[in-house]
């Protein structure tokens, strides 16, 4: 079966690449509807999932929050600002074999890992300093 690259899929991919901010599905949808108001939210969500499954974008799952979508598809880590909630890339080497360091008492088959650090971004730090 041939997988079609639909216009809607291209719109979604272009929006994620344009935003470059670890966008939520709602942010991607809002970006697209500026120029294409007839696209449905379901179409955007479906194509985000499709693009993530085919490796054209990276899905970032944050516990207790909406998924985010990254235009960078290589394995890398992220940090979430505890003040503004934005997600940023972390500049450090990806630890390819970190799963080998885990004592596996429960019989899991480890497939990969995501690590999301938390902190306060420079903009929020500066804003906090201005308030004092």
C-alpha atoms as a PDB file:
ATOM      1  CA  UNK A   1       0.000   0.000   0.000  1.00  0.00           C
ATOM      2  CA  UNK A   2       1.391   3.400  -0.986  1.00  0.00           C
ATOM      3  CA  UNK A   3       1.287   6.049   1.717  1.00  0.00           C
ATOM      4  CA  UNK A   4       0.001   9.322   0.344  1.00  0.00           C
ATOM      5  CA  UNK A   5       1.589  12.597   1.272  1.00  0.00           C
ATOM      6  CA  UNK A   6      -1.515  14.746   1.351  1.00  0.00           C
ATOM      7  CA  UNK A   7      -1.680  18.512   1.200  1.00  0.00           C
ATOM      8  CA  UNK A   8      -2.943  18.523   4.789  1.00  0.00           C
ATOM      9  CA  UNK A   9       0.044  16.452   5.915  1.00  0.00           C
ATOM     10  CA  UNK A  10       2.395  18.900   4.196  1.00  0.00           C
ATOM     11  CA  UNK A  11       0.639  21.820   5.898  1.00  0.00           C
ATOM     12  CA  UNK A  12       1.098  20.189   9.299  1.00  0.00           C
ATOM     13  CA  UNK A  13       4.769  19.383   8.670  1.00  0.00           C
ATOM     14  CA  UNK A  14       5.419  22.910   7.417  1.00  0.00           C
ATOM     15  CA  UNK A  15       3.733  24.388  10.499  1.00  0.00           C
ATOM     16  CA  UNK A  16       5.853  22.309  12.912  1.00  0.00           C
ATOM     17  CA  UNK A  17       8.997  23.296  10.997  1.00  0.00           C
ATOM     18  CA  UNK A  18       7.942  26.946  10.962  1.00  0.00           C
ATOM     19  CA  UNK A  19       7.073  27.110  14.678  1.00  0.00           C
ATOM     20  CA  UNK A  20      10.294  25.413  15.898  1.00  0.00           C
ATOM     21  CA  UNK A  21       9.059  25.758  19.473  1.00  0.00           C
ATOM     22  CA  UNK A  22       8.013  22.262  20.547  1.00  0.00           C
ATOM     23  CA  UNK A  23       4.448  23.186  19.652  1.00  0.00           C
ATOM     24  CA  UNK A  24       1.311  21.568  21.006  1.00  0.00           C
ATOM     25  CA  UNK A  25      -1.269  20.231  18.555  1.00  0.00           C
ATOM     26  CA  UNK A  26      -3.426  23.279  19.313  1.00  0.00           C
ATOM     27  CA  UNK A  27      -0.561  25.630  18.438  1.00  0.00           C
ATOM     28  CA  UNK A  28       0.022  23.785  15.151  1.00  0.00           C
ATOM     29  CA  UNK A  29      -3.702  23.955  14.407  1.00  0.00           C
ATOM     30  CA  UNK A  30      -3.787  27.712  15.145  1.00  0.00           C
ATOM     31  CA  UNK A  31      -0.780  28.290  12.893  1.00  0.00           C
ATOM     32  CA  UNK A  32      -2.414  26.466   9.971  1.00  0.00           C
ATOM     33  CA  UNK A  33      -5.869  28.014  10.346  1.00  0.00           C
ATOM     34  CA  UNK A  34      -4.402  31.489   9.846  1.00  0.00           C
ATOM     35  CA  UNK A  35      -4.041  30.637   6.152  1.00  0.00           C
ATOM     36  CA  UNK A  36      -6.311  27.586   5.826  1.00  0.00           C
ATOM     37  CA  UNK A  37      -9.363  28.168   8.055  1.00  0.00           C
ATOM     38  CA  UNK A  38     -11.249  25.122   6.711  1.00  0.00           C
ATOM     39  CA  UNK A  39      -8.799  22.499   7.980  1.00  0.00           C
ATOM     40  CA  UNK A  40     -10.246  20.509  10.862  1.00  0.00           C
ATOM     41  CA  UNK A  41      -8.627  20.005  14.230  1.00  0.00           C
ATOM     42  CA  UNK A  42      -8.997  16.213  13.764  1.00  0.00           C
ATOM     43  CA  UNK A  43      -7.060  16.386  10.486  1.00  0.00           C
ATOM     44  CA  UNK A  44      -4.211  18.249  12.177  1.00  0.00           C
ATOM     45  CA  UNK A  45      -4.104  15.781  15.097  1.00  0.00           C
ATOM     46  CA  UNK A  46      -4.231  12.763  12.766  1.00  0.00           C
ATOM     47  CA  UNK A  47      -1.409  14.112  10.615  1.00  0.00           C
ATOM     48  CA  UNK A  48       0.748  14.996  13.626  1.00  0.00           C
ATOM     49  CA  UNK A  49       0.480  11.370  14.742  1.00  0.00           C
ATOM     50  CA  UNK A  50       1.233  10.137  11.229  1.00  0.00           C
ATOM     51  CA  UNK A  51       4.293  12.378  10.904  1.00  0.00           C
ATOM     52  CA  UNK A  52       5.586  11.289  14.320  1.00  0.00           C
ATOM     53  CA  UNK A  53       5.132   7.590  13.460  1.00  0.00           C
ATOM     54  CA  UNK A  54       7.035   8.017  10.189  1.00  0.00           C
ATOM     55  CA  UNK A  55       9.848   9.914  11.940  1.00  0.00           C
ATOM     56  CA  UNK A  56       9.336  13.211  10.127  1.00  0.00           C
ATOM     57  CA  UNK A  57       8.730  14.986  13.444  1.00  0.00           C
ATOM     58  CA  UNK A  58       9.332  13.937  17.044  1.00  0.00           C
ATOM     59  CA  UNK A  59       6.518  13.576  19.568  1.00  0.00           C
ATOM     60  CA  UNK A  60       7.422  14.705  23.073  1.00  0.00           C
ATOM     61  CA  UNK A  61       5.245  13.241  25.798  1.00  0.00           C
ATOM     62  CA  UNK A  62       5.191  15.274  28.979  1.00  0.00           C
ATOM     63  CA  UNK A  63       3.379  13.638  31.919  1.00  0.00           C
ATOM     64  CA  UNK A  64       0.179  15.490  32.781  1.00  0.00           C
ATOM     65  CA  UNK A  65       0.369  17.804  29.758  1.00  0.00           C
ATOM     66  CA  UNK A  66      -0.500  17.907  26.094  1.00  0.00           C
ATOM     67  CA  UNK A  67       1.963  16.257  23.740  1.00  0.00           C
ATOM     68  CA  UNK A  68       4.422  18.535  22.000  1.00  0.00           C
ATOM     69  CA  UNK A  69       5.907  18.158  18.529  1.00  0.00           C
ATOM     70  CA  UNK A  70       9.512  18.868  17.620  1.00  0.00           C
ATOM     71  CA  UNK A  71      10.921  19.625  14.187  1.00  0.00           C
ATOM     72  CA  UNK A  72      14.251  18.079  15.270  1.00  0.00           C
ATOM     73  CA  UNK A  73      13.971  14.321  14.875  1.00  0.00           C
ATOM     74  CA  UNK A  74      17.312  13.140  16.256  1.00  0.00           C
ATOM     75  CA  UNK A  75      17.407  11.813  19.813  1.00  0.00           C
ATOM     76  CA  UNK A  76      17.964  14.653  22.264  1.00  0.00           C
ATOM     77  CA  UNK A  77      16.811  15.872  25.649  1.00  0.00           C
ATOM     78  CA  UNK A  78      14.533  18.725  26.663  1.00  0.00           C
ATOM     79  CA  UNK A  79      14.066  21.094  29.578  1.00  0.00           C
ATOM     80  CA  UNK A  80      10.747  22.569  30.671  1.00  0.00           C
ATOM     81  CA  UNK A  81      10.633  26.010  32.232  1.00  0.00           C
ATOM     82  CA  UNK A  82       8.651  25.794  35.458  1.00  0.00           C
ATOM     83  CA  UNK A  83       7.614  29.452  35.130  1.00  0.00           C
ATOM     84  CA  UNK A  84       6.366  29.833  31.542  1.00  0.00           C
ATOM     85  CA  UNK A  85       5.948  26.163  30.594  1.00  0.00           C
ATOM     86  CA  UNK A  86       8.009  26.401  27.404  1.00  0.00           C
ATOM     87  CA  UNK A  87      10.091  23.445  26.253  1.00  0.00           C
ATOM     88  CA  UNK A  88      13.694  23.920  25.127  1.00  0.00           C
ATOM     89  CA  UNK A  89      16.387  21.619  23.757  1.00  0.00           C
ATOM     90  CA  UNK A  90      19.230  20.627  26.096  1.00  0.00           C
ATOM     91  CA  UNK A  91      22.767  20.811  24.756  1.00  0.00           C
ATOM     92  CA  UNK A  92      24.261  17.519  25.872  1.00  0.00           C
ATOM     93  CA  UNK A  93      25.082  14.239  24.176  1.00  0.00           C
ATOM     94  CA  UNK A  94      22.256  11.713  24.032  1.00  0.00           C
ATOM     95  CA  UNK A  95      23.024   8.716  26.240  1.00  0.00           C
ATOM     96  CA  UNK A  96      22.421   5.887  23.735  1.00  0.00           C
ATOM     97  CA  UNK A  97      22.880   2.947  26.110  1.00  0.00           C
ATOM     98  CA  UNK A  98      21.549   4.349  29.369  1.00  0.00           C
ATOM     99  CA  UNK A  99      19.063   1.450  29.518  1.00  0.00           C
ATOM    100  CA  UNK A 100      21.995  -0.929  30.058  1.00  0.00           C
ATOM    101  CA  UNK A 101      22.656   0.759  33.413  1.00  0.00           C
ATOM    102  CA  UNK A 102      19.207  -0.059  34.783  1.00  0.00           C
ATOM    103  CA  UNK A 103      18.802  -2.989  37.138  1.00  0.00           C
ATOM    104  CA  UNK A 104      15.857  -4.750  35.543  1.00  0.00           C
ATOM    105  CA  UNK A 105      14.062  -6.530  38.401  1.00  0.00           C
ATOM    106  CA  UNK A 106      10.666  -6.421  36.671  1.00  0.00           C
ATOM    107  CA  UNK A 107      11.480  -8.068  33.333  1.00  0.00           C
ATOM    108  CA  UNK A 108      11.018  -5.044  31.066  1.00  0.00           C
ATOM    109  CA  UNK A 109      12.269  -4.905  27.513  1.00  0.00           C
ATOM    110  CA  UNK A 110      13.684  -1.374  27.301  1.00  0.00           C
ATOM    111  CA  UNK A 111      13.100   0.259  23.932  1.00  0.00           C
ATOM    112  CA  UNK A 112      14.202   3.837  24.554  1.00  0.00           C
ATOM    113  CA  UNK A 113      13.976   6.756  26.913  1.00  0.00           C
ATOM    114  CA  UNK A 114      12.945  10.376  27.195  1.00  0.00           C
ATOM    115  CA  UNK A 115      14.393  12.636  29.841  1.00  0.00           C
ATOM    116  CA  UNK A 116      12.843  16.024  30.466  1.00  0.00           C
ATOM    117  CA  UNK A 117      14.737  18.290  32.796  1.00  0.00           C
ATOM    118  CA  UNK A 118      13.049  21.117  34.674  1.00  0.00           C
ATOM    119  CA  UNK A 119      14.314  24.580  35.455  1.00  0.00           C
ATOM    120  CA  UNK A 120      13.695  28.266  34.849  1.00  0.00           C
ATOM    121  CA  UNK A 121      14.528  29.748  31.451  1.00  0.00           C
ATOM    122  CA  UNK A 122      16.707  32.875  31.072  1.00  0.00           C
ATOM    123  CA  UNK A 123      13.731  35.079  30.126  1.00  0.00           C
ATOM    124  CA  UNK A 124      11.815  34.081  33.264  1.00  0.00           C
ATOM    125  CA  UNK A 125      14.932  34.502  35.414  1.00  0.00           C
ATOM    126  CA  UNK A 126      15.398  38.011  34.039  1.00  0.00           C
ATOM    127  CA  UNK A 127      11.733  38.821  34.676  1.00  0.00           C
ATOM    128  CA  UNK A 128      12.051  37.547  38.261  1.00  0.00           C
ATOM    129  CA  UNK A 129      15.145  39.715  38.800  1.00  0.00           C
ATOM    130  CA  UNK A 130      13.262  42.771  37.506  1.00  0.00           C
ATOM    131  CA  UNK A 131      10.514  42.199  40.076  1.00  0.00           C
ATOM    132  CA  UNK A 132      12.986  42.383  42.979  1.00  0.00           C
END
